[in-house]
């Protein structure tokens, strides 16, 4: 029972703003604010300010609904406003704050924004590809004097705005050249790295062969030694001793003849 009483006396959560949000352009002569309802809230307090910390308030209202329209309150000069809603019950006000924003314009501003085409990030080759294709089409239209192309642009609301197609093509070609240069540099660096690795392998192999030769030479030298220098007694390899005996016998046989 005590736990249920503590829950009932807890302040409500902060309502989440629904509209307008993220600097949406709205008709400043009549701005409709919407937010999510909060369980346990008895009323809501709407605040609108010119700063995101809600210090310079220009409008506030105590409400019981989750929607409110403010008429003839905001200037329609394209200024940005910030707003938030607090919830209240007998235990107090909500603690957290969600702050959203909107741009107060005229009805014509809202229509212009609504008529603007949305960016299409899913188009073939991405926005950059479409930009290059559009610039190429514009250059062709300028070269041929095709008035139909520019008339179609005006109908779509994307008429020429002073950015020359040649400039767009130059920027696009510059980006392509940079990408190609990076690919070449990476390819050369990879080739140099592979050559270094091969050289290191060859040097390691040569070092191993040299060590084996030195070991064989050391074994050969160990087979020769002086047993008695005064009596001319020496130690030589067995195969060389046998060769010496054969050669000496052959020499003596030849002398006997």
Protein backbone atom coordinates (compact mmCIF):
# COMPACT_ATOMS: atom_id res chain seq x y z
CA UNK A 1 0.00 0.00 0.00
CA UNK A 2 2.87 2.33 0.84
CA UNK A 3 4.52 1.56 -2.51
CA UNK A 4 1.32 2.38 -4.40
CA UNK A 5 1.05 5.68 -2.56
CA UNK A 6 4.67 6.60 -3.44
CA UNK A 7 4.03 5.83 -7.12
CA UNK A 8 0.87 7.93 -7.15
CA UNK A 9 2.74 10.88 -5.61
CA UNK A 10 5.68 10.74 -8.05
CA UNK A 11 5.92 13.63 -10.56
CA UNK A 12 4.93 12.68 -14.11
CA UNK A 13 7.39 12.02 -16.94
CA UNK A 14 8.29 14.74 -19.43
CA UNK A 15 5.93 14.85 -22.44
CA UNK A 16 7.60 14.24 -25.80
CA UNK A 17 6.97 16.94 -28.45
CA UNK A 18 5.44 15.64 -31.70
CA UNK A 19 5.06 18.74 -33.88
CA UNK A 20 6.53 21.05 -35.02
CA UNK A 21 10.02 19.50 -34.81
CA UNK A 22 13.57 19.84 -36.18
CA UNK A 23 13.23 23.44 -37.41
CA UNK A 24 10.19 22.67 -39.52
CA UNK A 25 8.91 25.73 -41.41
CA UNK A 26 5.40 26.61 -40.22
CA UNK A 27 2.94 29.45 -40.70
CA UNK A 28 3.79 31.72 -37.79
CA UNK A 29 0.34 33.28 -37.75
CA UNK A 30 -1.14 30.05 -36.37
CA UNK A 31 1.27 27.47 -34.91
CA UNK A 32 -0.21 24.21 -33.65
CA UNK A 33 1.79 22.41 -30.96
CA UNK A 34 1.28 18.68 -30.33
CA UNK A 35 2.84 16.41 -27.71
CA UNK A 36 2.40 12.95 -26.23
CA UNK A 37 0.13 12.55 -23.27
CA UNK A 38 1.69 11.42 -19.99
CA UNK A 39 0.09 9.03 -17.49
CA UNK A 40 -0.63 10.66 -14.17
CA UNK A 41 -0.43 14.23 -15.50
CA UNK A 42 -3.13 16.66 -14.43
CA UNK A 43 -2.03 19.56 -16.67
CA UNK A 44 0.69 20.70 -19.05
CA UNK A 45 2.75 23.87 -19.29
CA UNK A 46 3.74 24.98 -22.82
CA UNK A 47 6.82 27.22 -23.19
CA UNK A 48 8.18 28.90 -26.34
CA UNK A 49 11.43 30.88 -26.38
CA UNK A 50 13.97 32.37 -28.76
CA UNK A 51 16.83 30.31 -27.27
CA UNK A 52 17.25 26.56 -26.82
CA UNK A 53 17.66 26.95 -23.03
CA UNK A 54 14.15 28.48 -22.83
CA UNK A 55 15.38 31.55 -20.98
CA UNK A 56 13.91 34.22 -23.27
CA UNK A 57 10.28 33.14 -23.23
CA UNK A 58 7.91 34.72 -25.74
CA UNK A 59 4.88 32.52 -25.05
CA UNK A 60 3.65 30.16 -22.31
CA UNK A 61 0.35 28.55 -21.51
CA UNK A 62 -1.13 26.16 -18.94
CA UNK A 63 -3.23 23.48 -20.65
CA UNK A 64 -5.05 20.24 -20.00
CA UNK A 65 -5.06 18.98 -23.61
CA UNK A 66 -2.14 17.59 -25.62
CA UNK A 67 -2.60 20.07 -28.47
CA UNK A 68 -2.67 23.83 -28.63
CA UNK A 69 -2.75 26.45 -31.39
CA UNK A 70 -1.10 29.82 -30.80
CA UNK A 71 -2.48 32.50 -33.14
CA UNK A 72 -0.80 35.80 -34.05
CA UNK A 73 1.96 35.31 -31.49
CA UNK A 74 5.15 34.81 -33.51
CA UNK A 75 6.82 36.97 -36.11
CA UNK A 76 6.71 35.51 -39.63
CA UNK A 77 10.19 36.66 -40.59
CA UNK A 78 11.92 33.26 -40.66
CA UNK A 79 13.04 33.37 -37.03
CA UNK A 80 13.72 30.10 -35.18
CA UNK A 81 11.84 29.35 -31.98
CA UNK A 82 12.31 26.62 -29.37
CA UNK A 83 9.54 24.97 -27.37
CA UNK A 84 8.95 22.42 -24.66
CA UNK A 85 6.12 21.03 -22.54
CA UNK A 86 6.19 20.16 -18.84
CA UNK A 87 3.68 17.88 -17.13
CA UNK A 88 2.28 18.45 -13.64
CA UNK A 89 0.36 16.59 -10.93
CA UNK A 90 -0.04 16.93 -7.17
CA UNK A 91 3.53 15.65 -6.64
CA UNK A 92 5.09 18.38 -8.78
CA UNK A 93 6.45 19.02 -12.24
CA UNK A 94 8.26 16.62 -14.55
CA UNK A 95 12.05 16.69 -14.33
CA UNK A 96 13.42 16.00 -17.82
CA UNK A 97 13.04 18.32 -20.77
CA UNK A 98 12.59 17.66 -24.48
CA UNK A 99 13.26 20.80 -26.52
CA UNK A 100 12.19 21.08 -30.15
CA UNK A 101 12.36 23.90 -32.67
CA UNK A 102 10.51 25.43 -35.62
CA UNK A 103 10.95 28.28 -38.09
CA UNK A 104 8.17 30.83 -38.15
CA UNK A 105 7.46 31.93 -41.72
CA UNK A 106 4.58 32.91 -43.93
CA UNK A 107 2.05 30.69 -45.66
CA UNK A 108 4.03 31.20 -48.88
CA UNK A 109 7.18 29.94 -47.16
CA UNK A 110 5.38 26.78 -46.09
CA UNK A 111 4.12 26.18 -49.64
CA UNK A 112 7.60 26.73 -51.08
CA UNK A 113 9.12 24.21 -48.70
CA UNK A 114 6.37 21.69 -49.44
CA UNK A 115 6.97 22.08 -53.20
CA UNK A 116 10.72 21.54 -52.89
CA UNK A 117 11.81 18.05 -54.02
CA UNK A 118 13.07 15.77 -51.30
CA UNK A 119 16.67 14.50 -51.62
CA UNK A 120 16.77 11.04 -53.15
CA UNK A 121 19.66 9.17 -51.58
CA UNK A 122 18.50 5.90 -53.11
CA UNK A 123 18.87 6.95 -56.73
CA UNK A 124 21.21 5.07 -59.06
CA UNK A 125 24.90 5.89 -58.43
CA UNK A 126 23.85 8.13 -55.52
CA UNK A 127 23.32 11.93 -55.57
CA UNK A 128 26.79 12.52 -57.06
CA UNK A 129 25.96 10.43 -60.12
CA UNK A 130 22.70 12.26 -60.66
CA UNK A 131 24.49 15.60 -60.26
CA UNK A 132 27.03 14.73 -62.94
CA UNK A 133 24.30 13.40 -65.24
CA UNK A 134 22.23 16.55 -64.77
CA UNK A 135 25.27 18.77 -65.40
CA UNK A 136 26.08 16.86 -68.58
CA UNK A 137 22.49 17.25 -69.79
CA UNK A 138 22.62 20.97 -69.03
CA UNK A 139 25.87 21.42 -70.92
CA UNK A 140 24.40 19.61 -73.91
CA UNK A 141 21.29 21.80 -73.75
CA UNK A 142 23.41 24.95 -73.61
CA UNK A 143 25.52 23.80 -76.54
CA UNK A 144 22.49 22.96 -78.70
CA UNK A 145 20.32 25.83 -77.51
CA UNK A 146 17.55 23.43 -76.46
CA UNK A 147 14.89 25.59 -74.87
CA UNK A 148 12.71 22.55 -74.09
CA UNK A 149 15.25 21.36 -71.49
CA UNK A 150 15.17 24.62 -69.53
CA UNK A 151 11.37 24.82 -69.84
CA UNK A 152 11.12 21.34 -68.30
CA UNK A 153 13.44 22.47 -65.50
CA UNK A 154 11.20 25.43 -64.71
CA UNK A 155 8.12 23.19 -64.65
CA UNK A 156 9.82 20.90 -62.12
CA UNK A 157 10.82 23.88 -59.97
CA UNK A 158 14.55 23.33 -60.47
CA UNK A 159 15.36 26.12 -62.88
CA UNK A 160 18.94 27.33 -63.33
CA UNK A 161 20.16 29.15 -60.19
CA UNK A 162 23.47 30.55 -61.39
CA UNK A 163 25.69 27.52 -60.90
CA UNK A 164 27.24 26.77 -64.27
CA UNK A 165 27.17 23.20 -65.49
CA UNK A 166 30.81 23.54 -66.44
CA UNK A 167 31.69 24.28 -62.83
CA UNK A 168 29.77 21.22 -61.67
CA UNK A 169 31.50 19.05 -64.26
CA UNK A 170 34.90 20.46 -63.27
CA UNK A 171 34.27 19.69 -59.60
CA UNK A 172 33.04 16.19 -60.45
CA UNK A 173 36.03 15.48 -62.69
CA UNK A 174 38.36 16.81 -59.99
CA UNK A 175 36.83 14.43 -57.44
CA UNK A 176 37.19 11.53 -59.89
CA UNK A 177 40.84 12.46 -60.53
CA UNK A 178 41.56 12.51 -56.79
CA UNK A 179 39.96 9.08 -56.38
CA UNK A 180 41.99 7.66 -59.28
CA UNK A 181 45.18 9.17 -57.83
CA UNK A 182 44.47 7.58 -54.44
CA UNK A 183 43.91 4.20 -56.09
CA UNK A 184 47.22 4.49 -57.99
CA UNK A 185 49.10 5.52 -54.84
CA UNK A 186 47.64 2.61 -52.89
CA UNK A 187 48.52 0.21 -55.72
CA UNK A 188 52.12 1.46 -55.84
CA UNK A 189 52.47 1.26 -52.06
CA UNK A 190 51.13 -2.30 -52.11
CA UNK A 191 53.62 -3.24 -54.86
CA UNK A 192 56.54 -1.77 -52.91
CA UNK A 193 55.48 -3.59 -49.78
CA UNK A 194 55.29 -6.89 -51.68
CA UNK A 195 58.76 -6.32 -53.15
CA UNK A 196 60.18 -5.67 -49.67
CA UNK A 197 58.65 -8.89 -48.42
CA UNK A 198 60.11 -10.89 -51.33
CA UNK A 199 63.54 -9.31 -50.78
CA UNK A 200 63.40 -10.20 -47.10
CA UNK A 201 62.52 -13.81 -47.96
CA UNK A 202 65.43 -14.05 -50.42
CA UNK A 203 67.87 -12.59 -47.90
CA UNK A 204 66.68 -15.05 -45.27
CA UNK A 205 67.16 -17.94 -47.73
CA UNK A 206 70.67 -16.78 -48.62
CA UNK A 207 71.58 -16.47 -44.97
CA UNK A 208 70.39 -20.03 -44.34
CA UNK A 209 72.45 -21.37 -47.26
CA UNK A 210 75.52 -19.48 -46.06
CA UNK A 211 75.21 -20.94 -42.58
CA UNK A 212 74.88 -24.46 -44.03
CA UNK A 213 78.04 -23.93 -46.15
CA UNK A 214 79.95 -22.66 -43.13
CA UNK A 215 78.87 -25.71 -41.14
CA UNK A 216 80.01 -28.07 -43.91
CA UNK A 217 83.37 -26.28 -44.14
CA UNK A 218 83.80 -26.53 -40.37
CA UNK A 219 83.13 -30.29 -40.55
CA UNK A 220 85.77 -30.63 -43.28
CA UNK A 221 88.33 -28.71 -41.25
CA UNK A 222 87.64 -30.84 -38.19
CA UNK A 223 88.74 -33.92 -40.17
CA UNK A 224 92.29 -32.53 -40.48
CA UNK A 225 94.57 -32.34 -37.46
CA UNK A 226 98.26 -32.72 -36.42
CA UNK A 227 98.79 -35.84 -34.33
CA UNK A 228 102.59 -35.66 -33.88
CA UNK A 229 104.43 -32.85 -35.54
CA UNK A 230 107.90 -34.37 -34.88
CA UNK A 231 107.07 -37.76 -36.39
CA UNK A 232 105.03 -36.25 -39.19
CA UNK A 233 101.84 -37.93 -38.04
CA UNK A 234 98.65 -36.23 -39.26
CA UNK A 235 94.98 -37.00 -39.31
CA UNK A 236 93.20 -36.78 -42.63
CA UNK A 237 89.80 -37.98 -43.86
CA UNK A 238 89.54 -41.71 -44.61
CA UNK A 239 88.61 -41.22 -48.24
CA UNK A 240 91.62 -39.03 -48.84
CA UNK A 241 93.89 -41.57 -47.04
CA UNK A 242 92.63 -44.36 -49.30
CA UNK A 243 93.24 -42.22 -52.37
CA UNK A 244 96.77 -41.50 -51.15
CA UNK A 245 97.46 -45.24 -50.65
CA UNK A 246 96.19 -46.13 -54.12
CA UNK A 247 98.20 -43.39 -55.73
CA UNK A 248 101.36 -44.41 -53.81
CA UNK A 249 100.96 -48.08 -54.82
CA UNK A 250 100.43 -47.11 -58.41
CA UNK A 251 103.54 -44.89 -58.30
CA UNK A 252 105.69 -47.68 -56.80
CA UNK A 253 104.44 -50.23 -59.35
CA UNK A 254 105.25 -47.86 -62.14
CA UNK A 255 108.77 -47.29 -60.80
CA UNK A 256 109.36 -51.05 -60.50
CA UNK A 257 108.69 -51.49 -64.17
